[in-house]
Amino acid sequence: MEIKEISVRELKELQDKSENCCLIDVRNPSEFEYCNLDGKLIPMSEITERFEEIAKEGKVIIHCHHGGRSKKVIAWMQDQHGYTNLYNLTGGIHAWSTHIDTSIDIY
């Protein structure tokens, strides 16, 4: 199954329009504490126990540092649990802090 992508600019447009979407961060807690996009933290290491916290309706954007871990999480959730509403944030929080909000620390 194809993994849908959303760019940081597209996410910013959704937020500016106040469109309802859920943002899930799959990085480690220490990364989340360092900088985050105000999403819900569900670390990749906990996704098998906590995936049911993620809605199967509406647009859900999964992100990590650069997009690799989030892509793996999405593939697993689509394959194992039939999710069809997940989007990978292309470039992750690194792309967000580079192109959208330069006040967010790059690490």
PDB file of N, CA and C in Angstrom:
ATOM      1  N   MET A   1       0.838  -1.184   0.000  1.00  0.00           N
ATOM      2  CA  MET A   1       0.000   0.000   0.000  1.00  0.00           C
ATOM      3  C   MET A   1       0.885   1.251   0.000  1.00  0.00           C
ATOM      4  N   GLU A   2       0.477   2.220  -0.751  1.00  0.00           N
ATOM      5  CA  GLU A   2       1.221   3.469  -0.866  1.00  0.00           C
ATOM      6  C   GLU A   2       1.177   4.264   0.444  1.00  0.00           C
ATOM      7  N   ILE A   3       2.279   4.895   0.762  1.00  0.00           N
ATOM      8  CA  ILE A   3       2.320   5.784   1.927  1.00  0.00           C
ATOM      9  C   ILE A   3       2.124   7.203   1.416  1.00  0.00           C
ATOM     10  N   LYS A   4       1.054   7.838   1.887  1.00  0.00           N
ATOM     11  CA  LYS A   4       0.755   9.209   1.477  1.00  0.00           C
ATOM     12  C   LYS A   4       1.697  10.162   2.200  1.00  0.00           C
ATOM     13  N   GLU A   5       2.086  11.206   1.502  1.00  0.00           N
ATOM     14  CA  GLU A   5       3.004  12.211   2.044  1.00  0.00           C
ATOM     15  C   GLU A   5       2.298  13.562   2.099  1.00  0.00           C
ATOM     16  N   ILE A   6       2.732  14.382   3.043  1.00  0.00           N
ATOM     17  CA  ILE A   6       2.280  15.767   3.113  1.00  0.00           C
ATOM     18  C   ILE A   6       3.524  16.613   3.389  1.00  0.00           C
ATOM     19  N   SER A   7       3.651  17.714   2.673  1.00  0.00           N
ATOM     20  CA  SER A   7       4.814  18.582   2.869  1.00  0.00           C
ATOM     21  C   SER A   7       4.579  19.492   4.072  1.00  0.00           C
ATOM     22  N   VAL A   8       5.663  20.073   4.562  1.00  0.00           N
ATOM     23  CA  VAL A   8       5.522  20.993   5.694  1.00  0.00           C
ATOM     24  C   VAL A   8       4.706  22.219   5.287  1.00  0.00           C
ATOM     25  N   ARG A   9       4.822  22.636   4.050  1.00  0.00           N
ATOM     26  CA  ARG A   9       4.025  23.783   3.581  1.00  0.00           C
ATOM     27  C   ARG A   9       2.535  23.427   3.541  1.00  0.00           C
ATOM     28  N   GLU A  10       2.219  22.214   3.093  1.00  0.00           N
ATOM     29  CA  GLU A  10       0.810  21.777   3.080  1.00  0.00           C
ATOM     30  C   GLU A  10       0.263  21.690   4.500  1.00  0.00           C
ATOM     31  N   LEU A  11       1.062  21.191   5.444  1.00  0.00           N
ATOM     32  CA  LEU A  11       0.629  21.128   6.841  1.00  0.00           C
ATOM     33  C   LEU A  11       0.392  22.532   7.384  1.00  0.00           C
ATOM     34  N   LYS A  12       1.273  23.460   7.079  1.00  0.00           N
ATOM     35  CA  LYS A  12       1.116  24.848   7.529  1.00  0.00           C
ATOM     36  C   LYS A  12      -0.178  25.439   6.981  1.00  0.00           C
ATOM     37  N   GLU A  13      -0.496  25.156   5.712  1.00  0.00           N
ATOM     38  CA  GLU A  13      -1.744  25.636   5.113  1.00  0.00           C
ATOM     39  C   GLU A  13      -2.953  25.074   5.851  1.00  0.00           C
ATOM     40  N   LEU A  14      -2.915  23.778   6.177  1.00  0.00           N
ATOM     41  CA  LEU A  14      -4.014  23.173   6.933  1.00  0.00           C
ATOM     42  C   LEU A  14      -4.190  23.868   8.277  1.00  0.00           C
ATOM     43  N   GLN A  15      -3.072  24.102   8.967  1.00  0.00           N
ATOM     44  CA  GLN A  15      -3.139  24.761  10.270  1.00  0.00           C
ATOM     45  C   GLN A  15      -3.647  26.191  10.140  1.00  0.00           C
ATOM     46  N   ASP A  16      -3.200  26.907   9.122  1.00  0.00           N
ATOM     47  CA  ASP A  16      -3.640  28.289   8.916  1.00  0.00           C
ATOM     48  C   ASP A  16      -5.133  28.368   8.625  1.00  0.00           C
ATOM     49  N   LYS A  17      -5.672  27.347   7.962  1.00  0.00           N
ATOM     50  CA  LYS A  17      -7.103  27.283   7.652  1.00  0.00           C
ATOM     51  C   LYS A  17      -7.902  26.683   8.804  1.00  0.00           C
ATOM     52  N   SER A  18      -7.208  26.316   9.878  1.00  0.00           N
ATOM     53  CA  SER A  18      -7.818  25.662  11.043  1.00  0.00           C
ATOM     54  C   SER A  18      -8.517  24.366  10.665  1.00  0.00           C
ATOM     55  N   GLU A  19      -7.994  23.682   9.638  1.00  0.00           N
ATOM     56  CA  GLU A  19      -8.559  22.389   9.264  1.00  0.00           C
ATOM     57  C   GLU A  19      -8.174  21.361  10.317  1.00  0.00           C
ATOM     58  N   ASN A  20      -9.112  20.512  10.624  1.00  0.00           N
ATOM     59  CA  ASN A  20      -8.910  19.530  11.674  1.00  0.00           C
ATOM     60  C   ASN A  20      -8.021  18.394  11.182  1.00  0.00           C
ATOM     61  N   CYS A  21      -6.879  18.260  11.825  1.00  0.00           N
ATOM     62  CA  CYS A  21      -6.011  17.125  11.563  1.00  0.00           C
ATOM     63  C   CYS A  21      -5.277  16.811  12.857  1.00  0.00           C
ATOM     64  N   CYS A  22      -4.909  15.574  12.996  1.00  0.00           N
ATOM     65  CA  CYS A  22      -4.233  15.112  14.201  1.00  0.00           C
ATOM     66  C   CYS A  22      -2.754  14.940  13.869  1.00  0.00           C
ATOM     67  N   LEU A  23      -1.889  15.406  14.762  1.00  0.00           N
ATOM     68  CA  LEU A  23      -0.451  15.317  14.556  1.00  0.00           C
ATOM     69  C   LEU A  23       0.139  14.378  15.598  1.00  0.00           C
ATOM     70  N   ILE A  24       0.780  13.301  15.118  1.00  0.00           N
ATOM     71  CA  ILE A  24       1.391  12.303  15.998  1.00  0.00           C
ATOM     72  C   ILE A  24       2.908  12.320  15.790  1.00  0.00           C
ATOM     73  N   ASP A  25       3.631  12.476  16.881  1.00  0.00           N
ATOM     74  CA  ASP A  25       5.090  12.513  16.879  1.00  0.00           C
ATOM     75  C   ASP A  25       5.594  11.158  17.361  1.00  0.00           C
ATOM     76  N   VAL A  26       6.391  10.458  16.545  1.00  0.00           N
ATOM     77  CA  VAL A  26       6.871   9.123  16.924  1.00  0.00           C
ATOM     78  C   VAL A  26       8.348   9.127  17.337  1.00  0.00           C
ATOM     79  N   ARG A  27       8.875  10.321  17.633  1.00  0.00           N
ATOM     80  CA  ARG A  27      10.258  10.400  18.106  1.00  0.00           C
ATOM     81  C   ARG A  27      10.339   9.957  19.570  1.00  0.00           C
ATOM     82  N   ASN A  28      11.546   9.937  20.092  1.00  0.00           N
ATOM     83  CA  ASN A  28      11.759   9.587  21.499  1.00  0.00           C
ATOM     84  C   ASN A  28      11.359  10.741  22.402  1.00  0.00           C
ATOM     85  N   PRO A  29      11.004  10.460  23.665  1.00  0.00           N
ATOM     86  CA  PRO A  29      10.614  11.541  24.577  1.00  0.00           C
ATOM     87  C   PRO A  29      11.662  12.654  24.700  1.00  0.00           C
ATOM     88  N   SER A  30      12.937  12.314  24.703  1.00  0.00           N
ATOM     89  CA  SER A  30      13.976  13.352  24.824  1.00  0.00           C
ATOM     90  C   SER A  30      13.977  14.283  23.604  1.00  0.00           C
ATOM     91  N   GLU A  31      13.716  13.728  22.419  1.00  0.00           N
ATOM     92  CA  GLU A  31      13.631  14.565  21.216  1.00  0.00           C
ATOM     93  C   GLU A  31      12.417  15.483  21.297  1.00  0.00           C
ATOM     94  N   PHE A  32      11.299  14.928  21.774  1.00  0.00           N
ATOM     95  CA  PHE A  32      10.060  15.694  21.912  1.00  0.00           C
ATOM     96  C   PHE A  32      10.259  16.848  22.889  1.00  0.00           C
ATOM     97  N   GLU A  33      10.951  16.587  23.996  1.00  0.00           N
ATOM     98  CA  GLU A  33      11.205  17.631  24.993  1.00  0.00           C
ATOM     99  C   GLU A  33      12.082  18.733  24.417  1.00  0.00           C
ATOM    100  N   TYR A  34      13.022  18.374  23.563  1.00  0.00           N
ATOM    101  CA  TYR A  34      13.933  19.346  22.971  1.00  0.00           C
ATOM    102  C   TYR A  34      13.179  20.314  22.053  1.00  0.00           C
ATOM    103  N   CYS A  35      12.319  19.775  21.197  1.00  0.00           N
ATOM    104  CA  CYS A  35      11.491  20.597  20.313  1.00  0.00           C
ATOM    105  C   CYS A  35      10.344  19.740  19.800  1.00  0.00           C
ATOM    106  N   ASN A  36       9.180  20.379  19.592  1.00  0.00           N
ATOM    107  CA  ASN A  36       8.033  19.632  19.076  1.00  0.00           C
ATOM    108  C   ASN A  36       7.060  20.562  18.372  1.00  0.00           C
ATOM    109  N   LEU A  37       6.102  19.955  17.690  1.00  0.00           N
ATOM    110  CA  LEU A  37       5.095  20.692  16.919  1.00  0.00           C
ATOM    111  C   LEU A  37       3.732  20.674  17.607  1.00  0.00           C
ATOM    112  N   ASP A  38       3.717  20.487  18.907  1.00  0.00           N
ATOM    113  CA  ASP A  38       2.475  20.444  19.683  1.00  0.00           C
ATOM    114  C   ASP A  38       1.558  19.292  19.301  1.00  0.00           C
ATOM    115  N   GLY A  39       2.134  18.229  18.793  1.00  0.00           N
ATOM    116  CA  GLY A  39       1.345  17.039  18.501  1.00  0.00           C
ATOM    117  C   GLY A  39       1.346  16.112  19.701  1.00  0.00           C
ATOM    118  N   LYS A  40       0.766  14.946  19.514  1.00  0.00           N
ATOM    119  CA  LYS A  40       0.736  13.928  20.566  1.00  0.00           C
ATOM    120  C   LYS A  40       1.958  13.030  20.400  1.00  0.00           C
ATOM    121  N   LEU A  41       2.651  12.792  21.493  1.00  0.00           N
ATOM    122  CA  LEU A  41       3.831  11.926  21.458  1.00  0.00           C
ATOM    123  C   LEU A  41       3.417  10.471  21.676  1.00  0.00           C
ATOM    124  N   ILE A  42       3.702   9.640  20.682  1.00  0.00           N
ATOM    125  CA  ILE A  42       3.601   8.186  20.807  1.00  0.00           C
ATOM    126  C   ILE A  42       4.897   7.642  20.205  1.00  0.00           C
ATOM    127  N   PRO A  43       5.917   7.433  21.037  1.00  0.00           N
ATOM    128  CA  PRO A  43       7.210   6.989  20.500  1.00  0.00           C
ATOM    129  C   PRO A  43       7.080   5.717  19.657  1.00  0.00           C
ATOM    130  N   MET A  44       7.905   5.614  18.638  1.00  0.00           N
ATOM    131  CA  MET A  44       7.892   4.441  17.767  1.00  0.00           C
ATOM    132  C   MET A  44       7.987   3.153  18.580  1.00  0.00           C
ATOM    133  N   SER A  45       8.775   3.182  19.647  1.00  0.00           N
ATOM    134  CA  SER A  45       8.960   1.985  20.478  1.00  0.00           C
ATOM    135  C   SER A  45       7.681   1.567  21.204  1.00  0.00           C
ATOM    136  N   GLU A  46       6.680   2.464  21.273  1.00  0.00           N
ATOM    137  CA  GLU A  46       5.428   2.166  21.969  1.00  0.00           C
ATOM    138  C   GLU A  46       4.247   1.981  21.018  1.00  0.00           C
ATOM    139  N   ILE A  47       4.477   2.109  19.731  1.00  0.00           N
ATOM    140  CA  ILE A  47       3.367   2.131  18.775  1.00  0.00           C
ATOM    141  C   ILE A  47       2.581   0.829  18.761  1.00  0.00           C
ATOM    142  N   THR A  48       3.232  -0.314  18.966  1.00  0.00           N
ATOM    143  CA  THR A  48       2.493  -1.586  18.926  1.00  0.00           C
ATOM    144  C   THR A  48       1.505  -1.702  20.082  1.00  0.00           C
ATOM    145  N   GLU A  49       1.782  -1.035  21.202  1.00  0.00           N
ATOM    146  CA  GLU A  49       0.867  -1.062  22.346  1.00  0.00           C
ATOM    147  C   GLU A  49      -0.139   0.090  22.317  1.00  0.00           C
ATOM    148  N   ARG A  50       0.186   1.164  21.603  1.00  0.00           N
ATOM    149  CA  ARG A  50      -0.626   2.378  21.700  1.00  0.00           C
ATOM    150  C   ARG A  50      -1.289   2.805  20.393  1.00  0.00           C
ATOM    151  N   PHE A  51      -1.183   2.001  19.326  1.00  0.00           N
ATOM    152  CA  PHE A  51      -1.710   2.422  18.025  1.00  0.00           C
ATOM    153  C   PHE A  51      -3.197   2.737  18.068  1.00  0.00           C
ATOM    154  N   GLU A  52      -3.939   2.102  18.978  1.00  0.00           N
ATOM    155  CA  GLU A  52      -5.383   2.340  19.040  1.00  0.00           C
ATOM    156  C   GLU A  52      -5.725   3.755  19.499  1.00  0.00           C
ATOM    157  N   GLU A  53      -4.747   4.494  20.021  1.00  0.00           N
ATOM    158  CA  GLU A  53      -4.957   5.896  20.391  1.00  0.00           C
ATOM    159  C   GLU A  53      -5.052   6.791  19.154  1.00  0.00           C
ATOM    160  N   ILE A  54      -4.720   6.246  17.995  1.00  0.00           N
ATOM    161  CA  ILE A  54      -4.729   7.013  16.752  1.00  0.00           C
ATOM    162  C   ILE A  54      -6.021   6.727  16.001  1.00  0.00           C
ATOM    163  N   ALA A  55      -6.740   7.795  15.681  1.00  0.00           N
ATOM    164  CA  ALA A  55      -8.043   7.669  15.018  1.00  0.00           C
ATOM    165  C   ALA A  55      -7.911   7.072  13.627  1.00  0.00           C
ATOM    166  N   LYS A  56      -8.930   6.322  13.236  1.00  0.00           N
ATOM    167  CA  LYS A  56      -8.971   5.771  11.880  1.00  0.00           C
ATOM    168  C   LYS A  56      -9.770   6.674  10.942  1.00  0.00           C
ATOM    169  N   GLU A  57     -10.299   7.769  11.469  1.00  0.00           N
ATOM    170  CA  GLU A  57     -11.022   8.743  10.658  1.00  0.00           C
ATOM    171  C   GLU A  57     -10.285  10.074  10.732  1.00  0.00           C
ATOM    172  N   GLY A  58     -10.508  10.888   9.706  1.00  0.00           N
ATOM    173  CA  GLY A  58      -9.866  12.195   9.667  1.00  0.00           C
ATOM    174  C   GLY A  58      -8.417  12.078   9.219  1.00  0.00           C
ATOM    175  N   LYS A  59      -7.823  13.207   8.969  1.00  0.00           N
ATOM    176  CA  LYS A  59      -6.436  13.248   8.503  1.00  0.00           C
ATOM    177  C   LYS A  59      -5.507  13.158   9.709  1.00  0.00           C
ATOM    178  N   VAL A  60      -4.624  12.157   9.700  1.00  0.00           N
ATOM    179  CA  VAL A  60      -3.639  11.969  10.761  1.00  0.00           C
ATOM    180  C   VAL A  60      -2.257  12.066  10.134  1.00  0.00           C
ATOM    181  N   ILE A  61      -1.474  13.006  10.647  1.00  0.00           N
ATOM    182  CA  ILE A  61      -0.135  13.235  10.133  1.00  0.00           C
ATOM    183  C   ILE A  61       0.868  12.704  11.146  1.00  0.00           C
ATOM    184  N   ILE A  62       1.690  11.775  10.692  1.00  0.00           N
ATOM    185  CA  ILE A  62       2.693  11.139  11.541  1.00  0.00           C
ATOM    186  C   ILE A  62       4.045  11.758  11.175  1.00  0.00           C
ATOM    187  N   HIS A  63       4.825  12.128  12.200  1.00  0.00           N
ATOM    188  CA  HIS A  63       6.137  12.686  11.889  1.00  0.00           C
ATOM    189  C   HIS A  63       7.195  12.241  12.888  1.00  0.00           C
ATOM    190  N   CYS A  64       8.440  12.406  12.450  1.00  0.00           N
ATOM    191  CA  CYS A  64       9.605  12.130  13.300  1.00  0.00           C
ATOM    192  C   CYS A  64      10.646  13.202  12.980  1.00  0.00           C
ATOM    193  N   HIS A  65      11.905  12.871  13.078  1.00  0.00           N
ATOM    194  CA  HIS A  65      12.959  13.858  12.839  1.00  0.00           C
ATOM    195  C   HIS A  65      13.093  14.189  11.347  1.00  0.00           C
ATOM    196  N   HIS A  66      13.267  13.167  10.505  1.00  0.00           N
ATOM    197  CA  HIS A  66      13.442  13.385   9.068  1.00  0.00           C
ATOM    198  C   HIS A  66      12.394  12.681   8.204  1.00  0.00           C
ATOM    199  N   GLY A  67      11.604  11.783   8.766  1.00  0.00           N
ATOM    200  CA  GLY A  67      10.566  11.097   7.998  1.00  0.00           C
ATOM    201  C   GLY A  67      10.738   9.603   7.857  1.00  0.00           C
ATOM    202  N   GLY A  68      11.850   9.048   8.308  1.00  0.00           N
ATOM    203  CA  GLY A  68      12.094   7.606   8.173  1.00  0.00           C
ATOM    204  C   GLY A  68      11.306   6.760   9.155  1.00  0.00           C
ATOM    205  N   ARG A  69      11.367   7.115  10.430  1.00  0.00           N
ATOM    206  CA  ARG A  69      10.626   6.339  11.445  1.00  0.00           C
ATOM    207  C   ARG A  69       9.125   6.453  11.219  1.00  0.00           C
ATOM    208  N   SER A  70       8.663   7.649  10.896  1.00  0.00           N
ATOM    209  CA  SER A  70       7.225   7.830  10.683  1.00  0.00           C
ATOM    210  C   SER A  70       6.741   7.005   9.496  1.00  0.00           C
ATOM    211  N   LYS A  71       7.548   6.899   8.459  1.00  0.00           N
ATOM    212  CA  LYS A  71       7.186   6.096   7.289  1.00  0.00           C
ATOM    213  C   LYS A  71       7.053   4.626   7.680  1.00  0.00           C
ATOM    214  N   LYS A  72       7.968   4.124   8.514  1.00  0.00           N
ATOM    215  CA  LYS A  72       7.894   2.738   8.974  1.00  0.00           C
ATOM    216  C   LYS A  72       6.658   2.503   9.826  1.00  0.00           C
ATOM    217  N   VAL A  73       6.339   3.460  10.694  1.00  0.00           N
ATOM    218  CA  VAL A  73       5.144   3.349  11.540  1.00  0.00           C
ATOM    219  C   VAL A  73       3.890   3.300  10.676  1.00  0.00           C
ATOM    220  N   ILE A  74       3.815   4.173   9.688  1.00  0.00           N
ATOM    221  CA  ILE A  74       2.647   4.198   8.805  1.00  0.00           C
ATOM    222  C   ILE A  74       2.517   2.881   8.045  1.00  0.00           C
ATOM    223  N   ALA A  75       3.605   2.382   7.503  1.00  0.00           N
ATOM    224  CA  ALA A  75       3.563   1.113   6.760  1.00  0.00           C
ATOM    225  C   ALA A  75       3.038   0.000   7.654  1.00  0.00           C
ATOM    226  N   TRP A  76       3.510  -0.061   8.889  1.00  0.00           N
ATOM    227  CA  TRP A  76       3.066  -1.098   9.824  1.00  0.00           C
ATOM    228  C   TRP A  76       1.581  -0.946  10.141  1.00  0.00           C
ATOM    229  N   MET A  77       1.145   0.282  10.412  1.00  0.00           N
ATOM    230  CA  MET A  77      -0.262   0.507  10.771  1.00  0.00           C
ATOM    231  C   MET A  77      -1.199   0.210   9.604  1.00  0.00           C
ATOM    232  N   GLN A  78      -0.777   0.537   8.394  1.00  0.00           N
ATOM    233  CA  GLN A  78      -1.584   0.227   7.213  1.00  0.00           C
ATOM    234  C   GLN A  78      -1.651  -1.277   6.987  1.00  0.00           C
ATOM    235  N   ASP A  79      -0.493  -1.942   7.073  1.00  0.00           N
ATOM    236  CA  ASP A  79      -0.429  -3.380   6.808  1.00  0.00           C
ATOM    237  C   ASP A  79      -1.110  -4.211   7.886  1.00  0.00           C
ATOM    238  N   GLN A  80      -0.878  -3.870   9.132  1.00  0.00           N
ATOM    239  CA  GLN A  80      -1.364  -4.697  10.237  1.00  0.00           C
ATOM    240  C   GLN A  80      -2.749  -4.307  10.757  1.00  0.00           C
ATOM    241  N   HIS A  81      -3.147  -3.052  10.570  1.00  0.00           N
ATOM    242  CA  HIS A  81      -4.391  -2.595  11.201  1.00  0.00           C
ATOM    243  C   HIS A  81      -5.326  -1.841  10.264  1.00  0.00           C
ATOM    244  N   GLY A  82      -5.006  -1.811   8.983  1.00  0.00           N
ATOM    245  CA  GLY A  82      -5.936  -1.283   7.987  1.00  0.00           C
ATOM    246  C   GLY A  82      -6.143   0.221   7.969  1.00  0.00           C
ATOM    247  N   TYR A  83      -5.222   0.979   8.534  1.00  0.00           N
ATOM    248  CA  TYR A  83      -5.360   2.431   8.488  1.00  0.00           C
ATOM    249  C   TYR A  83      -5.244   2.926   7.051  1.00  0.00           C
ATOM    250  N   THR A  84      -6.084   3.905   6.691  1.00  0.00           N
ATOM    251  CA  THR A  84      -6.049   4.485   5.344  1.00  0.00           C
ATOM    252  C   THR A  84      -5.954   6.008   5.389  1.00  0.00           C
ATOM    253  N   ASN A  85      -5.885   6.587   6.569  1.00  0.00           N
ATOM    254  CA  ASN A  85      -5.963   8.044   6.734  1.00  0.00           C
ATOM    255  C   ASN A  85      -4.661   8.670   7.242  1.00  0.00           C
ATOM    256  N   LEU A  86      -3.544   7.969   7.057  1.00  0.00           N
ATOM    257  CA  LEU A  86      -2.274   8.433   7.607  1.00  0.00           C
ATOM    258  C   LEU A  86      -1.419   9.098   6.535  1.00  0.00           C
ATOM    259  N   TYR A  87      -0.746  10.167   6.942  1.00  0.00           N
ATOM    260  CA  TYR A  87       0.145  10.919   6.050  1.00  0.00           C
ATOM    261  C   TYR A  87       1.498  11.074   6.726  1.00  0.00           C
ATOM    262  N   ASN A  88       2.561  10.857   5.967  1.00  0.00           N
ATOM    263  CA  ASN A  88       3.914  11.050   6.466  1.00  0.00           C
ATOM    264  C   ASN A  88       4.327  12.495   6.207  1.00  0.00           C
ATOM    265  N   LEU A  89       4.824  13.182   7.244  1.00  0.00           N
ATOM    266  CA  LEU A  89       5.306  14.543   7.067  1.00  0.00           C
ATOM    267  C   LEU A  89       6.687  14.479   6.411  1.00  0.00           C
ATOM    268  N   THR A  90       6.743  14.847   5.143  1.00  0.00           N
ATOM    269  CA  THR A  90       7.980  14.783   4.375  1.00  0.00           C
ATOM    270  C   THR A  90       9.052  15.656   5.023  1.00  0.00           C
ATOM    271  N   GLY A  91      10.178  15.042   5.358  1.00  0.00           N
ATOM    272  CA  GLY A  91      11.284  15.777   5.964  1.00  0.00           C
ATOM    273  C   GLY A  91      11.178  15.964   7.463  1.00  0.00           C
ATOM    274  N   GLY A  92      10.037  15.590   8.041  1.00  0.00           N
ATOM    275  CA  GLY A  92       9.852  15.639   9.486  1.00  0.00           C
ATOM    276  C   GLY A  92      10.016  17.020  10.102  1.00  0.00           C
ATOM    277  N   ILE A  93      10.289  17.014  11.406  1.00  0.00           N
ATOM    278  CA  ILE A  93      10.420  18.279  12.132  1.00  0.00           C
ATOM    279  C   ILE A  93      11.632  19.067  11.641  1.00  0.00           C
ATOM    280  N   HIS A  94      12.614  18.377  11.085  1.00  0.00           N
ATOM    281  CA  HIS A  94      13.780  19.078  10.532  1.00  0.00           C
ATOM    282  C   HIS A  94      13.342  20.007   9.389  1.00  0.00           C
ATOM    283  N   ALA A  95      12.512  19.502   8.496  1.00  0.00           N
ATOM    284  CA  ALA A  95      12.012  20.323   7.384  1.00  0.00           C
ATOM    285  C   ALA A  95      11.141  21.465   7.907  1.00  0.00           C
ATOM    286  N   TRP A  96      10.330  21.176   8.936  1.00  0.00           N
ATOM    287  CA  TRP A  96       9.477  22.220   9.519  1.00  0.00           C
ATOM    288  C   TRP A  96      10.352  23.351  10.070  1.00  0.00           C
ATOM    289  N   SER A  97      11.388  23.012  10.827  1.00  0.00           N
ATOM    290  CA  SER A  97      12.231  24.037  11.445  1.00  0.00           C
ATOM    291  C   SER A  97      13.113  24.753  10.417  1.00  0.00           C
ATOM    292  N   THR A  98      13.335  24.138   9.268  1.00  0.00           N
ATOM    293  CA  THR A  98      14.122  24.761   8.204  1.00  0.00           C
ATOM    294  C   THR A  98      13.269  25.692   7.343  1.00  0.00           C
ATOM    295  N   HIS A  99      12.032  25.269   7.008  1.00  0.00           N
ATOM    296  CA  HIS A  99      11.217  25.993   6.033  1.00  0.00           C
ATOM    297  C   HIS A  99      10.047  26.782   6.612  1.00  0.00           C
ATOM    298  N   ILE A 100       9.554  26.403   7.786  1.00  0.00           N
ATOM    299  CA  ILE A 100       8.327  27.026   8.301  1.00  0.00           C
ATOM    300  C   ILE A 100       8.587  27.864   9.552  1.00  0.00           C
ATOM    301  N   ASP A 101       9.193  27.259  10.568  1.00  0.00           N
ATOM    302  CA  ASP A 101       9.385  27.940  11.843  1.00  0.00           C
ATOM    303  C   ASP A 101      10.845  27.829  12.281  1.00  0.00           C
ATOM    304  N   THR A 102      11.639  28.838  11.905  1.00  0.00           N
ATOM    305  CA  THR A 102      13.070  28.790  12.193  1.00  0.00           C
ATOM    306  C   THR A 102      13.386  29.006  13.675  1.00  0.00           C
ATOM    307  N   SER A 103      12.367  29.291  14.497  1.00  0.00           N
ATOM    308  CA  SER A 103      12.603  29.425  15.934  1.00  0.00           C
ATOM    309  C   SER A 103      12.734  28.049  16.604  1.00  0.00           C
ATOM    310  N   ILE A 104      12.316  27.008  15.888  1.00  0.00           N
ATOM    311  CA  ILE A 104      12.458  25.640  16.416  1.00  0.00           C
ATOM    312  C   ILE A 104      13.889  25.192  16.179  1.00  0.00           C
ATOM    313  N   ASP A 105      14.524  24.730  17.246  1.00  0.00           N
ATOM    314  CA  ASP A 105      15.915  24.298  17.152  1.00  0.00           C
ATOM    315  C   ASP A 105      16.083  23.126  16.198  1.00  0.00           C
ATOM    316  N   ILE A 106      17.118  23.187  15.402  1.00  0.00           N
ATOM    317  CA  ILE A 106      17.496  22.072  14.520  1.00  0.00           C
ATOM    318  C   ILE A 106      18.509  21.240  15.264  1.00  0.00           C
ATOM    319  N   TYR A 107      18.331  19.948  15.219  1.00  0.00           N
ATOM    320  CA  TYR A 107      19.306  19.061  15.871  1.00  0.00           C
ATOM    321  C   TYR A 107      19.668  17.929  14.945  1.00  0.00           C
TER     322      TYR A 107
END
